[in-house]
N, C-alpha and C. Protein backbone atom coordinates (compact mmCIF):
# COMPACT_ATOMS: atom_id res chain seq x y z
N UNK A 1 86.16 143.50 41.68
CA UNK A 1 86.77 142.64 40.30
C UNK A 1 85.46 142.25 39.63
N UNK A 2 85.58 142.41 38.70
CA UNK A 2 84.82 142.02 37.54
C UNK A 2 85.38 140.96 36.91
N UNK A 3 84.14 140.07 36.39
CA UNK A 3 84.47 138.80 35.60
C UNK A 3 84.04 138.72 34.22
N UNK A 4 84.65 138.33 33.05
CA UNK A 4 84.88 138.80 31.90
C UNK A 4 83.90 137.40 31.33
N UNK A 5 83.59 137.19 30.19
CA UNK A 5 83.12 136.50 29.55
C UNK A 5 83.72 134.85 29.65
N UNK A 6 84.93 134.98 29.42
CA UNK A 6 85.79 133.89 29.62
C UNK A 6 86.24 133.38 31.06
N UNK A 7 85.75 134.08 31.88
CA UNK A 7 85.78 133.28 33.31
C UNK A 7 86.53 134.09 33.86
N UNK A 8 87.70 134.94 33.32
CA UNK A 8 89.26 135.48 33.75
C UNK A 8 88.38 136.84 34.71
N UNK A 9 89.12 137.22 35.56
CA UNK A 9 88.61 138.18 36.64
C UNK A 9 89.51 139.67 36.08
N UNK A 10 88.78 140.86 35.64
CA UNK A 10 89.44 142.01 35.33
C UNK A 10 89.57 142.68 36.52
N UNK A 11 90.81 143.27 36.80
CA UNK A 11 91.07 143.89 37.98
C UNK A 11 90.76 145.34 37.93
N UNK A 12 90.00 145.81 39.04
CA UNK A 12 89.61 146.91 39.08
C UNK A 12 90.75 147.94 39.69
N UNK A 13 90.01 149.42 38.76
CA UNK A 13 91.34 150.26 38.77
C UNK A 13 91.52 150.59 40.48
N UNK A 14 93.05 150.65 40.93
CA UNK A 14 93.37 150.95 42.47
C UNK A 14 93.39 149.68 43.11
N UNK A 15 93.14 148.42 42.59
CA UNK A 15 93.44 147.12 43.37
C UNK A 15 94.87 146.55 42.83
N UNK A 16 95.20 146.96 41.71
CA UNK A 16 96.34 146.03 41.16
C UNK A 16 97.39 146.38 42.34
N UNK A 17 97.76 147.85 42.65
CA UNK A 17 98.69 148.16 43.40
C UNK A 17 98.94 147.36 44.80
N UNK A 18 97.63 147.25 45.29
CA UNK A 18 97.26 146.23 46.58
C UNK A 18 97.97 144.98 46.34
N UNK A 19 97.11 144.29 45.30
CA UNK A 19 97.66 143.04 44.98
C UNK A 19 99.34 142.86 44.61
N UNK A 20 99.53 143.76 43.71
CA UNK A 20 101.16 143.54 44.00
C UNK A 20 102.04 143.59 45.24
N UNK A 21 101.87 144.69 45.82
CA UNK A 21 102.55 145.12 47.19
C UNK A 21 102.13 143.93 48.35
N UNK A 22 101.00 143.27 48.23
CA UNK A 22 100.96 142.00 48.85
C UNK A 22 101.46 140.79 48.39
N UNK A 23 101.70 140.61 47.20
CA UNK A 23 102.56 139.40 46.67
C UNK A 23 104.03 139.91 46.93
N UNK A 24 104.54 140.74 47.08
CA UNK A 24 105.96 141.10 47.08
C UNK A 24 106.06 140.71 48.65
N UNK A 25 105.10 141.61 49.53
CA UNK A 25 105.29 141.45 50.92
C UNK A 25 105.19 139.78 51.12
N UNK A 26 104.56 139.20 50.76
CA UNK A 26 104.37 137.56 50.80
C UNK A 26 105.57 136.75 50.59
N UNK A 27 105.86 137.19 48.80
CA UNK A 27 106.86 136.18 48.46
C UNK A 27 108.37 136.56 48.58
N UNK A 28 108.68 137.86 48.93
CA UNK A 28 109.85 138.48 48.70
C UNK A 28 110.14 139.10 47.26
N UNK A 29 111.64 139.57 46.96
CA UNK A 29 111.51 139.82 45.60
C UNK A 29 111.40 139.03 44.78
N UNK A 30 110.71 139.73 43.42
CA UNK A 30 109.96 138.74 42.21
C UNK A 30 110.21 139.62 41.14
N UNK A 31 110.38 139.07 39.80
CA UNK A 31 110.43 139.78 38.68
C UNK A 31 109.03 139.68 38.26
N UNK A 32 108.58 140.44 37.52
CA UNK A 32 107.56 140.69 36.76
C UNK A 32 106.69 139.60 36.24
N UNK A 33 107.50 138.54 35.82
CA UNK A 33 106.70 137.26 35.28
C UNK A 33 106.86 136.46 36.67
N UNK A 34 107.66 136.50 37.56
CA UNK A 34 107.05 135.84 38.55
C UNK A 34 105.66 136.19 39.67
N UNK A 35 105.77 137.61 39.47
CA UNK A 35 104.26 138.08 40.01
C UNK A 35 103.49 137.71 39.49
N UNK A 36 103.17 137.82 38.15
CA UNK A 36 102.37 137.32 37.27
C UNK A 36 101.69 135.91 37.41
N UNK A 37 102.54 135.05 37.55
CA UNK A 37 102.42 133.78 37.61
C UNK A 37 101.88 133.48 38.86
N UNK A 38 102.25 133.95 40.05
CA UNK A 38 101.99 133.70 41.37
C UNK A 38 100.58 134.23 41.37
N UNK A 39 100.20 135.42 40.75
CA UNK A 39 99.04 135.59 40.77
C UNK A 39 97.71 134.85 40.15
N UNK A 40 98.38 134.45 39.02
CA UNK A 40 97.86 133.44 38.03
C UNK A 40 97.21 132.14 39.03
N UNK A 41 98.38 131.57 39.48
CA UNK A 41 98.23 130.56 40.36
C UNK A 41 97.17 130.62 41.54
N UNK A 42 97.32 131.80 42.39
CA UNK A 42 96.22 131.76 43.33
C UNK A 42 95.29 131.90 43.00
N UNK A 43 94.72 132.69 42.01
CA UNK A 43 93.49 132.91 41.34
C UNK A 43 92.95 131.88 40.41
N UNK A 44 93.71 130.60 40.72
CA UNK A 44 93.00 129.26 39.95
C UNK A 44 93.10 129.70 38.46
N UNK A 45 93.92 130.64 37.87
CA UNK A 45 94.12 130.85 36.64
C UNK A 45 92.76 131.93 36.04
N UNK A 46 92.33 132.65 36.97
CA UNK A 46 91.06 133.69 36.66
C UNK A 46 91.95 134.99 36.51
N UNK A 47 92.80 135.37 37.02
CA UNK A 47 93.56 136.45 36.80
C UNK A 47 95.18 136.30 36.33
N UNK A 48 94.99 136.92 35.22
CA UNK A 48 95.95 136.39 34.04
C UNK A 48 96.29 138.04 33.55
N UNK A 49 97.37 138.46 34.53
CA UNK A 49 98.12 139.95 34.18
C UNK A 49 98.72 139.99 32.80
N UNK A 50 98.46 140.97 31.80
CA UNK A 50 99.60 141.06 30.79
C UNK A 50 100.65 142.07 31.02
N UNK A 51 101.50 142.12 30.08
CA UNK A 51 102.48 143.20 30.37
C UNK A 51 102.23 144.45 30.17
N UNK A 52 101.15 144.75 29.57
CA UNK A 52 100.57 146.02 29.53
C UNK A 52 99.81 146.85 30.57
N UNK A 53 99.35 145.84 31.55
CA UNK A 53 98.52 145.95 32.95
C UNK A 53 100.02 145.82 33.82
N UNK A 54 100.56 144.97 34.03
CA UNK A 54 101.55 144.90 35.25
C UNK A 54 102.53 146.03 35.04
N UNK A 55 103.21 145.96 33.83
CA UNK A 55 104.51 147.08 33.93
C UNK A 55 104.27 148.39 34.22
N UNK A 56 102.99 148.98 33.79
CA UNK A 56 102.97 150.38 34.02
C UNK A 56 102.70 150.37 35.91
N UNK A 57 102.21 149.30 36.42
CA UNK A 57 101.72 149.29 37.57
C UNK A 57 103.24 149.24 38.50
N UNK A 58 104.11 148.61 37.91
CA UNK A 58 105.28 148.30 38.20
C UNK A 58 106.14 149.63 38.73
N UNK A 59 106.41 150.43 37.04
CA UNK A 59 106.90 151.65 37.32
C UNK A 59 106.25 152.82 38.16
N UNK A 60 104.94 152.60 38.43
CA UNK A 60 104.35 153.81 39.14
C UNK A 60 104.58 153.49 40.76
N UNK A 61 104.46 152.00 40.87
CA UNK A 61 104.97 151.70 42.72
C UNK A 61 106.32 152.31 42.92
N UNK A 62 107.31 151.53 41.78
CA UNK A 62 108.70 152.28 42.04
C UNK A 62 108.86 153.73 42.10
N UNK A 63 108.20 154.48 41.43
CA UNK A 63 108.06 156.07 41.30
C UNK A 63 107.85 156.38 42.92
N UNK A 64 106.51 155.93 43.37
CA UNK A 64 106.24 156.09 44.72
C UNK A 64 106.93 155.63 45.65
N UNK A 65 108.11 155.14 45.20
CA UNK A 65 109.03 154.55 46.44
C UNK A 65 108.48 153.56 47.17
N UNK A 66 107.40 152.70 46.69
CA UNK A 66 106.82 151.68 47.40
C UNK A 66 107.57 150.32 47.15
N UNK A 67 108.32 149.96 46.09
CA UNK A 67 109.00 149.03 45.53
C UNK A 67 110.30 149.39 45.01
N UNK A 68 111.16 148.54 45.04
CA UNK A 68 112.44 148.97 44.68
C UNK A 68 112.81 147.96 43.48
N UNK A 69 113.54 148.31 42.46
CA UNK A 69 113.94 147.02 41.51
C UNK A 69 115.50 147.28 41.21
N UNK A 70 115.86 145.88 41.27
CA UNK A 70 117.27 145.61 40.81
C UNK A 70 117.48 144.78 39.90
N UNK A 71 118.37 144.63 38.90
CA UNK A 71 118.43 143.87 37.95
C UNK A 71 119.32 142.56 38.71
N UNK A 72 118.93 141.55 38.02
CA UNK A 72 119.41 140.17 38.58
C UNK A 72 119.13 138.98 37.56
N UNK A 73 119.51 137.59 37.91
CA UNK A 73 119.35 136.67 36.81
C UNK A 73 118.18 135.56 37.57
N UNK A 74 117.40 135.22 36.60
CA UNK A 74 116.39 134.50 36.56
C UNK A 74 116.79 133.22 36.82
N UNK A 75 115.87 132.34 36.88
CA UNK A 75 116.11 130.65 37.29
C UNK A 75 116.87 130.13 35.88
N UNK A 76 116.45 130.89 35.06
CA UNK A 76 116.71 130.52 33.52
C UNK A 76 118.02 130.99 32.71
N UNK A 77 118.47 131.77 34.25
CA UNK A 77 119.62 132.70 33.70
C UNK A 77 119.60 133.79 32.81
N UNK A 78 118.45 134.24 33.04
CA UNK A 78 117.81 135.53 31.84
C UNK A 78 118.25 136.82 32.96
N UNK A 79 118.71 137.85 32.29
CA UNK A 79 118.48 139.21 32.72
C UNK A 79 117.18 139.64 33.52
N UNK A 80 116.61 140.12 34.51
CA UNK A 80 115.61 140.65 34.96
C UNK A 80 115.40 141.47 35.95
N UNK A 81 114.40 142.33 35.70
CA UNK A 81 114.20 143.14 37.27
C UNK A 81 113.76 142.67 38.10
N UNK A 82 114.26 142.53 39.38
CA UNK A 82 113.40 142.24 40.65
C UNK A 82 113.08 143.53 41.30
N UNK A 83 111.83 143.02 41.82
CA UNK A 83 111.04 144.03 42.51
C UNK A 83 110.78 143.59 44.09
N UNK A 84 111.27 144.21 44.95
CA UNK A 84 111.08 144.29 46.37
C UNK A 84 110.23 145.19 47.08
N UNK A 85 109.56 144.95 47.84
CA UNK A 85 108.68 145.88 48.91
C UNK A 85 109.70 146.83 49.57
N UNK A 86 109.32 148.10 49.94
CA UNK A 86 110.19 148.81 51.04
C UNK A 86 109.44 148.90 52.25
N UNK A 87 110.18 150.04 52.84
CA UNK A 87 109.38 150.07 54.11
C UNK A 87 107.99 150.94 54.02
N UNK A 88 108.39 151.75 53.09
CA UNK A 88 107.10 152.84 52.43
C UNK A 88 105.97 152.06 51.99
N UNK A 89 106.32 151.14 51.03
CA UNK A 89 105.71 150.22 50.81
C UNK A 89 105.11 149.42 51.34
N UNK A 90 105.36 148.95 52.56
CA UNK A 90 104.61 148.21 53.67
C UNK A 90 103.77 148.70 54.58
N UNK A 91 103.92 150.43 54.45
CA UNK A 91 103.22 151.28 55.06
C UNK A 91 102.12 151.26 54.23
N UNK A 92 102.44 151.57 52.91
CA UNK A 92 101.18 151.80 52.06
C UNK A 92 100.35 150.58 51.66
N UNK A 93 100.84 149.27 52.00
CA UNK A 93 100.21 148.23 52.07
C UNK A 93 99.21 148.09 53.12
N UNK A 94 99.70 148.23 54.10
CA UNK A 94 98.71 148.65 55.32
C UNK A 94 97.55 149.49 55.28
N UNK A 95 98.01 150.86 54.80
CA UNK A 95 96.55 151.56 54.51
C UNK A 95 95.85 151.05 53.51
N UNK A 96 96.43 150.91 52.41
CA UNK A 96 95.54 150.23 50.90
C UNK A 96 94.48 148.80 51.57
N UNK A 97 95.21 148.08 52.40
CA UNK A 97 94.46 146.81 52.96
C UNK A 97 93.55 147.30 53.72
N UNK A 98 93.62 148.40 54.48
CA UNK A 98 92.17 148.88 55.55
C UNK A 98 91.64 149.65 54.32
N UNK A 99 91.93 150.30 53.59
CA UNK A 99 90.98 151.15 52.50
C UNK A 99 90.22 149.67 52.01
N UNK A 100 90.76 149.03 51.44
CA UNK A 100 90.12 147.83 50.41
C UNK A 100 89.09 147.07 51.39
N UNK A 101 89.30 146.81 52.72
CA UNK A 101 88.19 146.21 53.58
C UNK A 101 87.01 147.11 54.04
N UNK A 102 87.36 148.44 54.19
CA UNK A 102 86.30 149.13 54.31
C UNK A 102 85.20 149.23 53.29
N UNK A 103 85.81 149.58 52.07
CA UNK A 103 85.13 149.63 50.45
C UNK A 103 84.58 147.78 50.50
N UNK A 104 85.22 147.01 50.61
CA UNK A 104 84.44 145.48 50.50
C UNK A 104 83.31 145.43 51.72
N UNK A 105 83.48 145.86 52.70
CA UNK A 105 82.42 146.01 53.93
C UNK A 105 81.26 146.86 53.55
N UNK A 106 81.45 148.00 52.92
CA UNK A 106 80.46 148.85 52.30
C UNK A 106 79.47 147.89 51.06
N UNK A 107 80.56 147.54 50.64
CA UNK A 107 79.84 147.00 48.98
C UNK A 107 78.85 145.84 49.58
N UNK A 108 79.40 144.87 50.38
CA UNK A 108 78.68 143.90 51.16
C UNK A 108 77.40 144.46 51.86
N UNK A 109 77.35 145.31 52.38
CA UNK A 109 76.10 146.08 53.20
C UNK A 109 75.25 146.38 52.09
N UNK A 110 75.59 147.00 51.03
CA UNK A 110 74.89 147.48 50.18
C UNK A 110 74.26 146.14 49.31
N UNK A 111 74.93 145.48 49.13
CA UNK A 111 74.19 144.05 48.43
C UNK A 111 73.57 143.26 49.39
N UNK A 112 73.55 143.01 50.48
CA UNK A 112 72.68 142.66 51.55
C UNK A 112 71.21 143.49 51.67
N UNK A 113 71.57 144.56 51.77
CA UNK A 113 70.42 145.35 51.95
C UNK A 113 69.46 145.64 50.83
N UNK A 114 69.87 145.57 49.58
CA UNK A 114 69.08 145.14 48.22
C UNK A 114 68.61 143.98 48.28
N UNK A 115 69.14 142.99 48.71
CA UNK A 115 68.50 141.39 48.37
C UNK A 115 67.22 141.34 49.20
């Protein structure tokens, strides 16, 4: 992930799916605003996903069968689509986590080797 001038973090391509899947696996079913708010909280306000970033990811994950959306009421009694991770999503989360750890390890090795 890259840091922008204002201190916020720009999500690298391919990491958003992993982040969303992990959030749903940890927190249970959430609506898009809940996911976004949780990520912002965990990142100490440095990861602020807008609708143009988050909604396409949710649609993509749902089309892949990794999450399932159902309509329900929010705490404020508003209609919202709540997303839950599926069994296939849990398997994908495991694969993506392993892939991310390999990539992070490789980048760390390269950074240490260059120092």
